[in-house]
Protein backbone atom coordinates (compact mmCIF):
# COMPACT_ATOMS: atom_id res chain seq x y z
CA MET A 1 0.00 0.00 0.00
CA ASP A 2 1.04 3.60 -0.53
CA LEU A 3 0.03 6.77 1.26
CA SER A 4 -1.50 9.06 -1.36
CA SER A 5 -1.10 12.78 -1.81
CA LEU A 6 -4.84 13.23 -1.21
CA GLU A 7 -4.59 11.35 2.09
CA LEU A 8 -1.87 13.72 3.25
CA GLU A 9 -3.84 16.77 2.13
CA LEU A 10 -6.76 15.57 4.25
CA CYS A 11 -4.40 14.71 7.09
CA PHE A 12 -2.90 18.22 7.14
CA GLY A 13 -6.16 20.02 6.43
CA ALA A 14 -4.74 21.39 3.17
CA SER A 15 -8.04 22.63 1.78
CA ARG A 16 -6.32 24.36 -1.15
CA GLY A 17 -4.21 21.32 -2.00
CA PHE A 18 -0.44 21.19 -2.15
CA SER A 19 1.86 23.72 -3.77
CA GLU A 20 4.05 22.59 -6.65
CA SER A 21 7.06 22.27 -4.35
CA THR A 22 5.14 20.11 -1.86
CA LYS A 23 3.78 17.94 -4.69
CA LYS A 24 7.28 17.50 -6.07
CA LEU A 25 8.67 16.59 -2.66
CA PHE A 26 5.88 14.09 -2.03
CA GLU A 27 6.45 12.42 -5.40
CA SER A 28 10.16 12.00 -4.65
CA ARG A 29 9.49 10.05 -1.43
CA ASN A 30 8.51 6.44 -0.82
CA PHE A 31 5.35 6.24 1.27
CA GLY A 32 4.83 2.50 0.92
CA TYR A 33 3.62 0.56 3.95
CA SER A 34 1.87 -2.65 4.97
CA GLU A 35 -0.85 -3.38 7.49
CA PHE A 36 -0.53 -5.46 10.63
CA SER A 37 -2.99 -8.24 11.33
CA ALA A 38 -5.23 -8.03 14.39
CA VAL A 39 -3.00 -10.49 16.22
CA GLU A 40 0.15 -8.59 15.29
CA SER A 41 -1.41 -5.31 16.41
CA GLU A 42 -2.38 -6.85 19.73
CA ASP A 43 1.18 -8.10 20.21
CA LEU A 44 2.51 -4.62 19.43
CA MET A 45 0.22 -2.98 21.96
CA ARG A 46 1.29 -5.43 24.63
CA LEU A 47 4.94 -4.81 23.82
CA ILE A 48 4.53 -1.04 24.01
CA GLU A 49 2.53 -1.25 27.23
CA SER A 50 5.23 -3.37 28.83
CA LYS A 51 7.89 -0.81 27.92
CA ILE A 52 5.82 2.05 29.30
CA VAL A 53 5.41 0.22 32.59
CA HIS A 54 9.19 0.17 32.99
CA GLY A 55 9.22 3.94 32.57
CA PHE A 56 10.92 6.57 30.43
CA THR A 57 13.04 9.59 31.20
CA LYS A 58 10.91 12.63 32.02
CA VAL A 59 11.39 15.86 30.10
CA GLY A 60 12.13 19.16 31.80
CA SER A 61 14.82 21.71 32.57
CA HIS A 62 17.05 18.99 34.06
CA ARG A 63 17.56 17.65 30.52
CA ALA A 64 19.47 20.72 29.29
CA THR A 65 22.87 19.00 29.48
CA VAL A 66 21.54 15.97 27.60
CA TRP A 67 20.37 18.15 24.72
CA GLU A 68 23.62 20.10 24.72
CA SER A 69 25.55 16.85 24.32
CA ALA A 70 23.25 15.65 21.54
CA TRP A 71 23.44 18.86 19.52
CA ALA A 72 27.20 19.14 20.06
CA ASP A 73 27.62 15.79 18.30
CA VAL A 74 25.35 16.93 15.48
CA LYS A 75 27.24 20.23 15.19
CA ASN A 76 30.58 18.48 14.82
CA SER A 77 29.22 16.04 12.24
CA PHE A 78 27.55 18.86 10.29
CA PHE A 79 30.70 20.93 9.93
CA MET A 80 32.88 17.88 9.21
CA SER A 81 30.45 16.94 6.41
CA GLY A 82 30.83 20.31 4.73
CA MET A 83 27.38 21.36 6.01
CA ASN A 84 25.45 18.46 4.50
CA PRO A 85 21.84 19.18 5.64
CA GLU A 86 21.00 15.47 5.88
CA VAL A 87 23.32 15.26 8.89
CA LEU A 88 20.93 17.55 10.77
CA ASN A 89 17.95 15.18 10.59
CA PRO A 90 17.36 14.11 14.23
CA ASN A 91 17.99 10.40 14.74
CA PHE A 92 14.84 10.04 16.85
CA ILE A 93 12.71 10.61 13.73
CA GLY A 94 12.25 7.27 11.99
CA SER A 95 13.81 5.07 14.64
CA PHE A 96 10.92 2.56 14.77
CA ASP A 97 9.77 -0.32 12.57
CA PHE A 98 6.12 0.64 13.06
CA LEU A 99 4.16 3.88 13.21
CA ARG A 100 0.75 5.19 14.25
CA TYR A 101 -1.61 6.21 11.46
CA ASN A 102 -5.36 6.81 11.55
CA GLY A 103 -6.01 4.80 14.69
CA ARG A 104 -3.86 1.79 13.84
CA TYR A 105 -0.27 0.66 13.52
CA ILE A 106 1.38 0.41 10.12
CA LYS A 107 4.69 -1.02 9.00
CA PRO A 108 6.55 1.37 6.65
CA ASP A 109 8.61 -0.03 3.79
CA LEU A 110 11.44 2.33 4.76
CA LYS A 111 12.54 3.63 8.15
CA GLU A 112 12.63 7.09 6.57
CA PHE A 113 8.82 7.08 6.26
CA GLU A 114 8.32 9.27 9.33
CA LEU A 115 11.02 11.69 8.21
CA TYR A 116 9.41 11.88 4.76
CA PHE A 117 6.04 12.59 6.36
CA PHE A 118 7.52 15.41 8.39
CA GLU A 119 9.38 16.85 5.39
CA VAL A 120 6.19 17.01 3.33
CA PHE A 121 4.24 18.47 6.24
CA ARG A 122 6.96 21.07 6.85
CA ASP A 123 7.10 22.07 3.20
CA TRP A 124 3.32 22.46 3.17
CA VAL A 125 3.46 24.68 6.28
CA PHE A 126 6.25 26.79 4.79
CA SER A 127 4.51 27.11 1.42
CA GLU A 128 1.08 27.79 2.87
CA TYR A 129 1.96 30.22 5.65
CA ALA A 130 5.52 31.59 5.59
CA SER A 131 5.75 33.54 2.34
CA ASP A 132 4.21 36.82 3.57
CA PHE A 133 6.47 37.27 6.61
CA ASP A 134 9.65 39.30 6.79
CA THR A 135 10.98 37.37 9.79
CA VAL A 136 10.57 33.81 11.04
CA TYR A 137 11.52 32.80 14.57
CA GLU A 138 11.69 29.13 15.54
CA PHE A 139 11.74 28.46 19.27
CA GLY A 140 13.42 25.16 20.12
CA SER A 141 15.37 25.03 16.87
CA GLY A 142 17.52 22.04 17.89
CA SER A 143 19.70 20.84 15.05
CA GLY A 144 18.59 23.82 12.96
CA PHE A 145 17.23 21.63 10.18
CA ASN A 146 13.94 23.52 9.96
CA ILE A 147 15.51 26.98 9.77
CA ILE A 148 18.09 25.82 7.24
CA GLU A 149 15.42 24.20 5.08
CA LEU A 150 13.40 27.40 5.27
CA SER A 151 16.45 29.43 4.19
CA LYS A 152 16.58 27.43 0.95
CA LYS A 153 12.95 28.23 0.25
CA PHE A 154 13.06 31.89 1.31
CA PRO A 155 16.68 33.10 1.21
CA ASP A 156 15.70 36.76 1.61
CA LYS A 157 13.94 36.39 4.97
CA GLU A 158 15.43 37.01 8.40
CA LEU A 159 15.49 33.58 10.06
CA VAL A 160 16.34 33.06 13.72
CA GLY A 161 16.48 29.83 15.70
CA PHE A 162 16.24 29.96 19.49
CA ASP A 163 17.42 27.11 21.69
CA TRP A 164 18.78 26.49 25.19
CA SER A 165 21.75 24.59 23.74
CA ASP A 166 24.88 26.56 22.88
CA SER A 167 25.74 24.02 20.17
CA ALA A 168 22.32 24.46 18.54
CA VAL A 169 22.94 28.20 18.44
CA GLU A 170 26.43 27.71 16.98
CA ILE A 171 25.09 25.52 14.16
CA LEU A 172 22.86 28.32 12.85
CA ASN A 173 25.39 31.10 13.42
CA GLU A 174 28.08 29.23 11.53
CA TYR A 175 25.66 28.24 8.76
CA GLY A 176 24.51 31.85 8.39
CA SER A 177 28.11 33.06 8.23
CA ARG A 178 29.26 30.48 5.68
CA SER A 179 26.16 30.72 3.48
CA ASN A 180 26.00 34.53 3.64
CA LEU A 181 22.30 34.31 4.51
CA ASN A 182 20.38 36.23 7.17
CA VAL A 183 20.30 33.22 9.47
CA ARG A 184 21.38 33.16 13.09
CA GLY A 185 20.92 31.36 16.36
CA THR A 186 20.21 32.81 19.80
CA ARG A 187 20.16 31.18 23.20
CA PHE A 188 16.73 31.06 24.83
CA ASP A 189 15.24 29.29 27.84
CA PHE A 190 11.55 28.30 27.70
CA PHE A 191 11.43 28.11 31.49
CA ASN A 192 12.77 31.66 31.87
CA PRO A 193 11.91 33.54 28.65
CA ASP A 194 13.77 36.76 27.98
CA PHE A 195 11.15 39.52 27.88
CA ASN A 196 13.79 41.93 26.61
CA LEU A 197 13.84 40.07 23.30
CA ASN A 198 12.26 42.02 20.48
CA ILE A 199 9.94 40.31 18.00
CA PRO A 200 9.38 42.45 14.88
CA GLU A 201 5.80 43.16 13.89
CA ASN A 202 5.65 41.01 10.74
CA THR A 203 7.04 37.86 12.35
CA LEU A 204 5.98 34.22 12.14
CA VAL A 205 6.79 32.17 15.25
CA MET A 206 7.10 28.41 14.87
CA THR A 207 7.69 25.44 17.18
CA PHE A 208 8.08 21.80 16.15
CA CYS A 209 7.92 19.29 19.02
CA ALA A 210 9.67 21.83 21.23
CA PHE A 211 7.00 22.91 23.71
CA GLU A 212 6.57 19.22 24.51
CA GLN A 213 9.67 19.60 26.69
CA ILE A 214 8.02 22.03 29.14
CA GLY A 215 5.16 19.85 30.36
CA THR A 216 2.74 21.99 32.36
CA SER A 217 5.20 24.91 32.64
CA PHE A 218 3.98 26.65 29.48
CA ASN A 219 2.48 29.81 31.00
CA PRO A 220 5.75 31.82 30.93
CA MET A 221 6.02 31.18 27.18
CA ILE A 222 2.37 32.02 26.59
CA ASP A 223 2.81 35.27 28.53
CA PHE A 224 5.94 35.98 26.50
CA LEU A 225 4.20 35.47 23.16
CA LEU A 226 1.13 37.46 24.20
CA SER A 227 3.42 40.27 25.28
CA LYS A 228 5.56 40.25 22.13
CA ARG A 229 2.62 39.85 19.74
CA PRO A 230 4.07 38.06 16.70
CA ARG A 231 1.73 38.21 13.75
CA LEU A 232 1.18 34.44 13.71
CA VAL A 233 2.15 31.38 15.77
CA ILE A 234 2.32 27.91 14.17
CA GLN A 235 3.03 24.92 16.38
CA MET A 236 3.35 21.19 15.86
CA GLU A 237 3.19 19.67 19.31
CA PRO A 238 1.88 16.51 21.02
CA THR A 239 -1.58 17.32 22.34
CA LEU A 240 -2.91 15.24 25.22
CA GLU A 241 -6.45 16.57 24.81
CA PHE A 242 -6.75 15.08 21.30
CA TYR A 243 -6.51 11.47 22.44
CA ASN A 244 -9.65 9.41 23.11
CA PRO A 245 -9.27 8.03 26.66
CA SER A 246 -11.85 5.30 25.99
CA ALA A 247 -9.90 3.82 23.04
CA ARG A 248 -7.07 1.44 23.90
CA PHE A 249 -4.95 2.65 20.99
CA ASP A 250 -5.03 6.16 22.45
CA GLN A 251 -4.77 4.97 26.05
CA ILE A 252 -1.29 3.73 25.18
CA ALA A 253 -0.30 7.14 23.82
CA ILE A 254 -1.75 8.86 26.91
CA LYS A 255 0.27 6.60 29.22
CA TYR A 256 3.46 7.27 27.30
CA HIS A 257 2.76 11.01 27.07
CA ASN A 258 2.25 11.21 30.82
CA SER A 259 5.24 8.99 31.60
CA ARG A 260 7.47 11.43 29.72
CA GLY A 261 5.82 14.48 31.27
CA TYR A 262 5.09 16.00 27.88
CA LEU A 263 3.07 19.16 27.21
CA SER A 264 -0.18 19.00 29.16
CA GLY A 265 -3.10 21.44 29.23
CA TYR A 266 -1.73 23.66 26.48
CA HIS A 267 -4.58 23.23 24.00
CA THR A 268 -7.08 23.79 26.82
CA ARG A 269 -5.31 27.03 27.77
CA LEU A 270 -5.32 28.26 24.17
CA CYS A 271 -9.06 27.60 24.01
CA GLU A 272 -9.52 29.61 27.22
CA LEU A 273 -7.50 32.50 25.78
CA ALA A 274 -9.63 32.40 22.64
CA GLY A 275 -12.76 32.54 24.80
CA GLU A 276 -11.31 35.59 26.56
CA SER A 277 -10.64 37.22 23.14
CA ARG A 278 -6.93 37.34 23.89
CA ILE A 279 -6.00 35.20 20.89
CA ASN A 280 -7.57 34.16 17.62
CA TYR A 281 -7.32 30.36 17.60
CA ILE A 282 -7.25 29.83 13.83
CA ARG A 283 -6.76 26.09 13.67
CA SER A 284 -6.18 23.09 15.89
CA LYS A 285 -5.96 19.69 14.27
CA ARG A 286 -4.85 16.18 15.14
CA LEU A 287 -3.01 14.72 12.16
CA ASN A 288 -3.54 11.13 13.37
CA PHE A 289 0.07 10.23 12.68
CA GLY A 290 2.89 9.43 15.04
CA SER A 291 5.83 7.29 16.01
CA ALA A 292 5.58 4.04 17.94
CA TYR A 293 4.45 5.48 21.26
CA ASN A 294 2.57 8.72 20.67
CA GLU A 295 1.70 11.47 18.20
CA CYS A 296 3.67 14.71 18.25
CA TYR A 297 2.07 15.69 14.93
CA SER A 298 -0.79 17.95 15.98
CA LEU A 299 -1.18 21.40 14.48
CA HIS A 300 -2.01 24.63 16.32
CA ILE A 301 -2.23 28.01 14.57
CA TRP A 302 -3.09 31.15 16.50
CA GLU A 303 -2.47 34.85 16.71
CA PRO A 304 -2.33 37.22 19.70
CA LEU A 305 -5.05 39.88 19.78
């Protein structure tokens, strides 16, 4: 079986279809997969449940040194490769032999399936939303692979990646210097946001699986964004409220999400802010796609009022 372009358009909520660049990218990727039988799916769920019982490392500010070590390795590999962008693809994307899709597990033909899904989704987001902005800020830029990809698509924009890792910042600063593009990195702490930071008026703010690291401690970042008033905020983050607690398939994701201490209550807070007329909550959508344990692919688009 193959995932079709139309399926992805429906998945993303791409009511106007894909741009030519997104179509071309999709056509260059292998989205073949096979289904698991009922027995195989049951075995998978038992396996995942057993691993969750044994526990996973919780996210939070205590993980800063872990991320610094991870991005330092990526930084060294990136510069040794002559700035090959493929080196920047995080190794935790596509590290499983099975994935979540539309309420079931599937077995991709290639381990790169998840990476390909994200690349197509990212290109759609960039094509659909980023063109009208002078500046794009990504908070939690990590390896820098999103900002660098965006710089290829829009080389004239000011692009800034913010991260709590010095190595993540160095990746973008060095890339911007060597490529002669308006790309840079800046250190930033989600838990203690710098309210002295200026966000220009015509700025798009993005996060991709970055707020997941702050659990329930998201209010400082919400206050920061409401104060700085970027023109638009686009986020792809795991969203606990989207899971169905009465469905076993989602119960597994809920258990894993909670065991990691991922983002919790964020969607609910955005809805409250919309009800208070403090933001315009333009879109919130579960994409029904994820890795083995949960789904970080949920879309939130909003603007401060």
